[in-house]
């Protein structure tokens, strides 16, 4: 009984960061979805990946390795030209993959789509507004 109180007292003095880390380590780890660079928008995928990385409390090296393991198809083939040191650099991987799967030329396409987008007959007003907002952010 006295030992439990001592543990509780020690826990009360731990910094919030340590308590947060302990809570995270007790949570079930999440796995990022696979990405081929084609079937889903790259920007949407990276938002998903960053959320999973935050949930799992990954450092940059682990983010790089997990990102590499989550790629398949054309996205994975892009890595074959990289040096091992580049593959361990999370920021560099985001830059290289972003240039390939979210190129600047795509912005022109999104602007064109935004200007010409009309509401579909089966599309609700909320869905139409969401589609316009998404195109606006991409343009």
N, C-alpha and C. Protein backbone atom coordinates (compact mmCIF):
# COMPACT_ATOMS: atom_id res chain seq x y z
N UNK A 1 0.83 -1.19 0.00
CA UNK A 1 0.00 0.00 0.00
C UNK A 1 0.87 1.25 0.00
N UNK A 2 1.86 1.28 0.88
CA UNK A 2 2.78 2.43 0.94
C UNK A 2 3.58 2.52 -0.35
N UNK A 3 3.91 1.36 -0.92
CA UNK A 3 4.67 1.35 -2.17
C UNK A 3 3.85 1.95 -3.31
N UNK A 4 2.55 1.66 -3.35
CA UNK A 4 1.67 2.24 -4.38
C UNK A 4 1.62 3.75 -4.27
N UNK A 5 1.54 4.27 -3.02
CA UNK A 5 1.52 5.72 -2.84
C UNK A 5 2.82 6.35 -3.31
N UNK A 6 3.94 5.67 -3.05
CA UNK A 6 5.24 6.17 -3.49
C UNK A 6 5.30 6.24 -5.01
N UNK A 7 4.79 5.22 -5.68
CA UNK A 7 4.76 5.21 -7.15
C UNK A 7 3.87 6.34 -7.65
N UNK A 8 2.70 6.52 -7.02
CA UNK A 8 1.80 7.60 -7.43
C UNK A 8 2.46 8.96 -7.25
N UNK A 9 3.20 9.13 -6.14
CA UNK A 9 3.88 10.41 -5.90
C UNK A 9 4.94 10.65 -6.96
N UNK A 10 5.68 9.62 -7.33
CA UNK A 10 6.71 9.76 -8.36
C UNK A 10 6.07 10.10 -9.70
N UNK A 11 4.94 9.45 -10.01
CA UNK A 11 4.26 9.72 -11.27
C UNK A 11 3.78 11.16 -11.33
N UNK A 12 3.33 11.70 -10.19
CA UNK A 12 2.87 13.09 -10.16
C UNK A 12 4.00 14.07 -10.45
N UNK A 13 5.23 13.68 -10.18
CA UNK A 13 6.36 14.59 -10.41
C UNK A 13 6.98 14.42 -11.78
N UNK A 14 6.58 13.39 -12.53
CA UNK A 14 7.12 13.21 -13.88
C UNK A 14 6.69 14.37 -14.76
N UNK A 15 7.56 14.79 -15.65
CA UNK A 15 7.14 15.84 -16.59
C UNK A 15 6.03 15.32 -17.50
N UNK A 16 5.21 16.24 -17.99
CA UNK A 16 4.10 15.87 -18.87
C UNK A 16 4.59 15.11 -20.09
N UNK A 17 5.77 15.47 -20.58
CA UNK A 17 6.31 14.82 -21.77
C UNK A 17 6.52 13.33 -21.51
N UNK A 18 7.04 12.98 -20.36
CA UNK A 18 7.28 11.58 -20.03
C UNK A 18 5.95 10.84 -19.91
N UNK A 19 4.98 11.45 -19.26
CA UNK A 19 3.67 10.82 -19.13
C UNK A 19 3.05 10.62 -20.50
N UNK A 20 3.20 11.61 -21.36
CA UNK A 20 2.67 11.50 -22.71
C UNK A 20 3.33 10.35 -23.46
N UNK A 21 4.66 10.23 -23.31
CA UNK A 21 5.39 9.15 -23.98
C UNK A 21 4.92 7.79 -23.47
N UNK A 22 4.70 7.67 -22.17
CA UNK A 22 4.24 6.41 -21.60
C UNK A 22 2.85 6.07 -22.15
N UNK A 23 1.96 7.07 -22.21
CA UNK A 23 0.63 6.82 -22.74
C UNK A 23 0.71 6.37 -24.19
N UNK A 24 1.58 7.00 -24.97
CA UNK A 24 1.72 6.62 -26.38
C UNK A 24 2.27 5.21 -26.52
N UNK A 25 3.21 4.84 -25.65
CA UNK A 25 3.80 3.51 -25.76
C UNK A 25 2.80 2.42 -25.39
N UNK A 26 1.76 2.77 -24.67
CA UNK A 26 0.74 1.80 -24.30
C UNK A 26 -0.35 1.66 -25.36
N UNK A 27 -0.40 2.61 -26.29
CA UNK A 27 -1.41 2.56 -27.36
C UNK A 27 -1.01 1.54 -28.41
N UNK A 28 -2.00 1.06 -29.11
CA UNK A 28 -1.75 0.13 -30.22
C UNK A 28 -1.14 0.90 -31.38
N UNK A 29 -0.03 0.41 -31.91
CA UNK A 29 0.64 1.06 -33.04
C UNK A 29 -0.23 0.97 -34.28
N UNK A 30 -0.14 1.99 -35.11
CA UNK A 30 -0.88 2.03 -36.38
C UNK A 30 0.09 1.84 -37.53
N UNK A 31 -0.39 1.24 -38.59
CA UNK A 31 0.40 1.05 -39.80
C UNK A 31 -0.12 1.99 -40.88
N UNK A 32 0.78 2.64 -41.62
CA UNK A 32 0.30 3.48 -42.72
C UNK A 32 -0.21 2.61 -43.87
N UNK A 33 -1.16 3.15 -44.61
CA UNK A 33 -1.65 2.47 -45.81
C UNK A 33 -0.52 2.38 -46.83
N UNK A 34 -0.64 1.47 -47.77
CA UNK A 34 0.32 1.37 -48.87
C UNK A 34 0.03 2.47 -49.89
N UNK A 35 1.06 2.90 -50.59
CA UNK A 35 0.91 3.97 -51.58
C UNK A 35 1.66 3.61 -52.85
N UNK A 36 0.97 3.70 -53.99
CA UNK A 36 1.62 3.44 -55.27
C UNK A 36 1.87 4.73 -56.05
N UNK A 37 1.43 5.86 -55.48
CA UNK A 37 1.64 7.14 -56.13
C UNK A 37 0.63 7.45 -57.21
N UNK A 38 -0.33 6.56 -57.45
CA UNK A 38 -1.29 6.76 -58.53
C UNK A 38 -2.74 6.71 -58.07
N UNK A 39 -3.08 5.74 -57.25
CA UNK A 39 -4.48 5.52 -56.92
C UNK A 39 -5.04 6.54 -55.93
N UNK A 40 -4.18 7.23 -55.21
CA UNK A 40 -4.63 8.26 -54.26
C UNK A 40 -3.79 9.52 -54.46
N UNK A 41 -4.37 10.66 -54.12
CA UNK A 41 -3.64 11.92 -54.22
C UNK A 41 -2.45 11.89 -53.25
N UNK A 42 -1.28 12.28 -53.74
CA UNK A 42 -0.06 12.23 -52.94
C UNK A 42 -0.18 13.09 -51.69
N UNK A 43 -0.75 14.27 -51.82
CA UNK A 43 -0.87 15.16 -50.66
C UNK A 43 -1.77 14.54 -49.59
N UNK A 44 -2.84 13.90 -50.02
CA UNK A 44 -3.72 13.22 -49.06
C UNK A 44 -2.98 12.08 -48.37
N UNK A 45 -2.19 11.35 -49.14
CA UNK A 45 -1.45 10.23 -48.55
C UNK A 45 -0.46 10.73 -47.51
N UNK A 46 0.25 11.81 -47.81
CA UNK A 46 1.25 12.32 -46.87
C UNK A 46 0.59 12.82 -45.58
N UNK A 47 -0.57 13.42 -45.68
CA UNK A 47 -1.30 13.81 -44.47
C UNK A 47 -1.59 12.57 -43.63
N UNK A 48 -2.07 11.52 -44.28
CA UNK A 48 -2.34 10.25 -43.59
C UNK A 48 -1.05 9.71 -42.94
N UNK A 49 0.03 9.68 -43.71
CA UNK A 49 1.28 9.13 -43.21
C UNK A 49 1.79 9.92 -42.00
N UNK A 50 1.74 11.25 -42.08
CA UNK A 50 2.21 12.09 -40.97
C UNK A 50 1.35 11.88 -39.72
N UNK A 51 0.06 11.67 -39.90
CA UNK A 51 -0.80 11.39 -38.75
C UNK A 51 -0.43 10.07 -38.08
N UNK A 52 -0.17 9.05 -38.89
CA UNK A 52 0.25 7.75 -38.35
C UNK A 52 1.60 7.89 -37.64
N UNK A 53 2.53 8.63 -38.25
CA UNK A 53 3.85 8.83 -37.65
C UNK A 53 3.73 9.55 -36.31
N UNK A 54 2.87 10.54 -36.24
CA UNK A 54 2.67 11.27 -34.98
C UNK A 54 2.07 10.34 -33.92
N UNK A 55 1.07 9.56 -34.32
CA UNK A 55 0.42 8.63 -33.40
C UNK A 55 1.45 7.65 -32.82
N UNK A 56 2.33 7.15 -33.69
CA UNK A 56 3.33 6.16 -33.27
C UNK A 56 4.57 6.78 -32.66
N UNK A 57 4.66 8.12 -32.67
CA UNK A 57 5.78 8.84 -32.08
C UNK A 57 7.12 8.45 -32.73
N UNK A 58 7.13 8.38 -34.07
CA UNK A 58 8.33 8.02 -34.80
C UNK A 58 9.28 9.20 -34.91
N UNK A 59 10.58 8.93 -34.83
CA UNK A 59 11.57 9.96 -35.12
C UNK A 59 11.77 10.01 -36.64
N UNK A 60 12.61 10.92 -37.12
CA UNK A 60 12.75 11.10 -38.57
C UNK A 60 13.32 9.87 -39.28
N UNK A 61 14.25 9.16 -38.64
CA UNK A 61 14.80 7.96 -39.26
C UNK A 61 13.71 6.90 -39.42
N UNK A 62 12.93 6.71 -38.38
CA UNK A 62 11.85 5.71 -38.47
C UNK A 62 10.79 6.14 -39.48
N UNK A 63 10.50 7.45 -39.55
CA UNK A 63 9.56 7.93 -40.57
C UNK A 63 10.07 7.59 -41.96
N UNK A 64 11.36 7.81 -42.19
CA UNK A 64 11.94 7.50 -43.50
C UNK A 64 11.79 6.02 -43.82
N UNK A 65 12.14 5.17 -42.87
CA UNK A 65 12.07 3.73 -43.10
C UNK A 65 10.62 3.26 -43.29
N UNK A 66 9.71 3.78 -42.49
CA UNK A 66 8.30 3.40 -42.62
C UNK A 66 7.72 3.89 -43.95
N UNK A 67 8.12 5.08 -44.37
CA UNK A 67 7.64 5.60 -45.65
C UNK A 67 8.12 4.71 -46.78
N UNK A 68 9.38 4.32 -46.74
CA UNK A 68 9.93 3.42 -47.77
C UNK A 68 9.14 2.11 -47.81
N UNK A 69 8.86 1.55 -46.64
CA UNK A 69 8.15 0.27 -46.58
C UNK A 69 6.68 0.39 -46.99
N UNK A 70 6.14 1.61 -46.96
CA UNK A 70 4.73 1.78 -47.33
C UNK A 70 4.54 2.01 -48.82
N UNK A 71 5.63 2.16 -49.56
CA UNK A 71 5.53 2.41 -50.99
C UNK A 71 5.48 1.11 -51.78
N UNK A 72 4.79 1.17 -52.92
CA UNK A 72 4.73 0.02 -53.82
C UNK A 72 4.64 0.54 -55.24
N UNK A 73 4.82 -0.34 -56.20
CA UNK A 73 4.68 0.02 -57.61
C UNK A 73 5.65 1.12 -58.04
N UNK A 74 5.13 2.09 -58.79
CA UNK A 74 5.96 3.17 -59.33
C UNK A 74 6.60 4.01 -58.23
N UNK A 75 5.91 4.17 -57.12
CA UNK A 75 6.47 4.94 -56.01
C UNK A 75 7.71 4.23 -55.45
N UNK A 76 7.66 2.92 -55.36
CA UNK A 76 8.78 2.15 -54.85
C UNK A 76 9.94 2.16 -55.84
N UNK A 77 9.64 2.08 -57.13
CA UNK A 77 10.68 2.06 -58.16
C UNK A 77 11.50 3.35 -58.16
N UNK A 78 10.86 4.44 -57.77
CA UNK A 78 11.55 5.73 -57.72
C UNK A 78 12.73 5.70 -56.75
N UNK A 79 12.66 4.84 -55.75
CA UNK A 79 13.70 4.77 -54.73
C UNK A 79 14.96 4.06 -55.22
N UNK A 80 14.88 3.32 -56.31
CA UNK A 80 16.02 2.53 -56.76
C UNK A 80 17.22 3.39 -57.16
N UNK A 81 17.00 4.66 -57.47
CA UNK A 81 18.09 5.54 -57.85
C UNK A 81 18.71 6.28 -56.67
N UNK A 82 18.19 6.09 -55.48
CA UNK A 82 18.67 6.83 -54.31
C UNK A 82 19.81 6.11 -53.61
N UNK A 83 20.67 6.89 -52.99
CA UNK A 83 21.76 6.35 -52.16
C UNK A 83 21.18 5.96 -50.80
N UNK A 84 21.84 5.04 -50.08
CA UNK A 84 21.35 4.65 -48.75
C UNK A 84 21.20 5.84 -47.80
N UNK A 85 22.13 6.79 -47.85
CA UNK A 85 22.02 7.95 -46.96
C UNK A 85 20.79 8.80 -47.30
N UNK A 86 20.44 8.86 -48.57
CA UNK A 86 19.25 9.61 -48.98
C UNK A 86 17.97 8.90 -48.53
N UNK A 87 18.02 7.59 -48.50
CA UNK A 87 16.84 6.82 -48.10
C UNK A 87 16.58 6.91 -46.60
N UNK A 88 17.59 7.33 -45.84
CA UNK A 88 17.41 7.52 -44.40
C UNK A 88 17.03 8.96 -44.05
N UNK A 89 16.94 9.81 -45.06
CA UNK A 89 16.65 11.23 -44.85
C UNK A 89 15.17 11.49 -45.16
N UNK A 90 14.37 11.60 -44.13
CA UNK A 90 12.91 11.74 -44.28
C UNK A 90 12.55 12.98 -45.10
N UNK A 91 13.17 14.10 -44.81
CA UNK A 91 12.86 15.34 -45.54
C UNK A 91 13.19 15.20 -47.02
N UNK A 92 14.31 14.57 -47.31
CA UNK A 92 14.71 14.37 -48.70
C UNK A 92 13.71 13.45 -49.43
N UNK A 93 13.29 12.39 -48.76
CA UNK A 93 12.30 11.49 -49.37
C UNK A 93 11.00 12.22 -49.69
N UNK A 94 10.54 13.05 -48.76
CA UNK A 94 9.32 13.82 -49.01
C UNK A 94 9.49 14.74 -50.21
N UNK A 95 10.66 15.34 -50.31
CA UNK A 95 10.93 16.25 -51.43
C UNK A 95 10.93 15.50 -52.77
N UNK A 96 11.66 14.40 -52.83
CA UNK A 96 11.77 13.62 -54.07
C UNK A 96 10.41 13.05 -54.48
N UNK A 97 9.72 12.45 -53.55
CA UNK A 97 8.42 11.86 -53.86
C UNK A 97 7.39 12.93 -54.19
N UNK A 98 7.46 14.06 -53.51
CA UNK A 98 6.55 15.16 -53.79
C UNK A 98 6.74 15.73 -55.18
N UNK A 99 8.00 15.87 -55.60
CA UNK A 99 8.28 16.37 -56.95
C UNK A 99 7.72 15.42 -58.00
N UNK A 100 7.78 14.14 -57.74
CA UNK A 100 7.33 13.15 -58.71
C UNK A 100 5.81 13.02 -58.75
N UNK A 101 5.20 12.98 -57.58
CA UNK A 101 3.77 12.67 -57.53
C UNK A 101 2.87 13.88 -57.27
N UNK A 102 3.46 15.03 -57.06
CA UNK A 102 2.68 16.26 -56.91
C UNK A 102 3.44 17.39 -57.59
N UNK A 103 3.70 17.25 -58.90
CA UNK A 103 4.54 18.24 -59.60
C UNK A 103 3.85 19.60 -59.73
N UNK A 104 4.66 20.62 -59.95
CA UNK A 104 4.16 21.98 -60.10
C UNK A 104 3.20 22.07 -61.28
N UNK A 105 3.46 21.31 -62.35
CA UNK A 105 2.58 21.33 -63.52
C UNK A 105 1.15 20.94 -63.14
N UNK A 106 1.03 20.12 -62.12
CA UNK A 106 -0.29 19.70 -61.67
C UNK A 106 -1.12 20.87 -61.16
N UNK A 107 -0.45 21.90 -60.65
CA UNK A 107 -1.17 23.07 -60.16
C UNK A 107 -1.96 23.74 -61.27
N UNK A 108 -1.37 23.80 -62.46
CA UNK A 108 -2.08 24.39 -63.61
C UNK A 108 -3.32 23.58 -63.93
N UNK A 109 -3.18 22.29 -63.88
CA UNK A 109 -4.32 21.40 -64.13
C UNK A 109 -5.42 21.64 -63.10
N UNK A 110 -5.04 21.75 -61.83
CA UNK A 110 -6.03 21.97 -60.78
C UNK A 110 -6.73 23.32 -60.95
N UNK A 111 -5.99 24.34 -61.37
CA UNK A 111 -6.60 25.65 -61.61
C UNK A 111 -7.64 25.55 -62.73
N UNK A 112 -7.28 24.85 -63.79
CA UNK A 112 -8.20 24.66 -64.91
C UNK A 112 -9.45 23.91 -64.45
N UNK A 113 -9.25 22.83 -63.68
CA UNK A 113 -10.38 22.06 -63.18
C UNK A 113 -11.27 22.91 -62.27
N UNK A 114 -10.64 23.76 -61.44
CA UNK A 114 -11.40 24.62 -60.54
C UNK A 114 -12.29 25.57 -61.32
N UNK A 115 -11.71 26.21 -62.33
CA UNK A 115 -12.46 27.19 -63.13
C UNK A 115 -13.63 26.55 -63.89
N UNK A 116 -13.46 25.31 -64.30
CA UNK A 116 -14.46 24.65 -65.13
C UNK A 116 -15.35 23.67 -64.37
N UNK A 117 -15.17 23.58 -63.07
CA UNK A 117 -15.93 22.59 -62.28
C UNK A 117 -17.39 23.02 -62.14
N UNK A 118 -18.29 22.13 -62.49
CA UNK A 118 -19.73 22.35 -62.34
C UNK A 118 -20.28 21.29 -61.39
N UNK A 119 -21.33 21.65 -60.70
CA UNK A 119 -21.96 20.69 -59.80
C UNK A 119 -22.65 19.60 -60.60
N UNK A 120 -22.37 18.35 -60.23
CA UNK A 120 -23.00 17.21 -60.90
C UNK A 120 -24.43 17.03 -60.40
N UNK A 121 -25.26 16.43 -61.21
CA UNK A 121 -26.67 16.25 -60.84
C UNK A 121 -26.84 15.45 -59.56
N UNK A 122 -25.98 14.46 -59.36
CA UNK A 122 -26.10 13.59 -58.19
C UNK A 122 -25.29 14.09 -57.00
N UNK A 123 -24.64 15.23 -57.15
CA UNK A 123 -23.73 15.75 -56.12
C UNK A 123 -24.47 16.73 -55.21
N UNK A 124 -24.32 16.53 -53.90
CA UNK A 124 -24.94 17.46 -52.95
C UNK A 124 -24.17 18.78 -52.96
N UNK A 125 -24.79 19.82 -52.45
CA UNK A 125 -24.12 21.12 -52.38
C UNK A 125 -22.87 21.04 -51.51
N UNK A 126 -22.96 20.31 -50.40
CA UNK A 126 -21.81 20.17 -49.50
C UNK A 126 -20.66 19.45 -50.20
N UNK A 127 -20.96 18.40 -50.96
CA UNK A 127 -19.92 17.67 -51.69
C UNK A 127 -19.30 18.54 -52.77
N UNK A 128 -20.12 19.35 -53.43
CA UNK A 128 -19.62 20.25 -54.47
C UNK A 128 -18.68 21.29 -53.86
N UNK A 129 -19.08 21.88 -52.74
CA UNK A 129 -18.23 22.87 -52.06
C UNK A 129 -16.93 22.23 -51.62
N UNK A 130 -17.00 21.02 -51.07
CA UNK A 130 -15.79 20.31 -50.64
C UNK A 130 -14.85 20.08 -51.83
N UNK A 131 -15.39 19.66 -52.96
CA UNK A 131 -14.57 19.43 -54.16
C UNK A 131 -13.90 20.71 -54.62
N UNK A 132 -14.63 21.83 -54.57
CA UNK A 132 -14.05 23.12 -54.95
C UNK A 132 -12.95 23.54 -53.97
N UNK A 133 -13.18 23.34 -52.68
CA UNK A 133 -12.17 23.68 -51.68
C UNK A 133 -10.90 22.87 -51.89
N UNK A 134 -11.06 21.61 -52.19
CA UNK A 134 -9.90 20.74 -52.40
C UNK A 134 -9.12 21.18 -53.64
N UNK A 135 -9.82 21.49 -54.72
CA UNK A 135 -9.15 21.99 -55.93
C UNK A 135 -8.45 23.31 -55.66
N UNK A 136 -9.08 24.17 -54.88
CA UNK A 136 -8.49 25.46 -54.54
C UNK A 136 -7.17 25.28 -53.78
N UNK A 137 -7.15 24.36 -52.84
CA UNK A 137 -5.93 24.11 -52.07
C UNK A 137 -4.83 23.52 -52.94
N UNK A 138 -5.20 22.74 -53.93
CA UNK A 138 -4.21 22.10 -54.79
C UNK A 138 -3.68 23.06 -55.85
N UNK A 139 -4.45 24.07 -56.19
CA UNK A 139 -4.06 24.99 -57.27
C UNK A 139 -3.03 26.00 -56.84
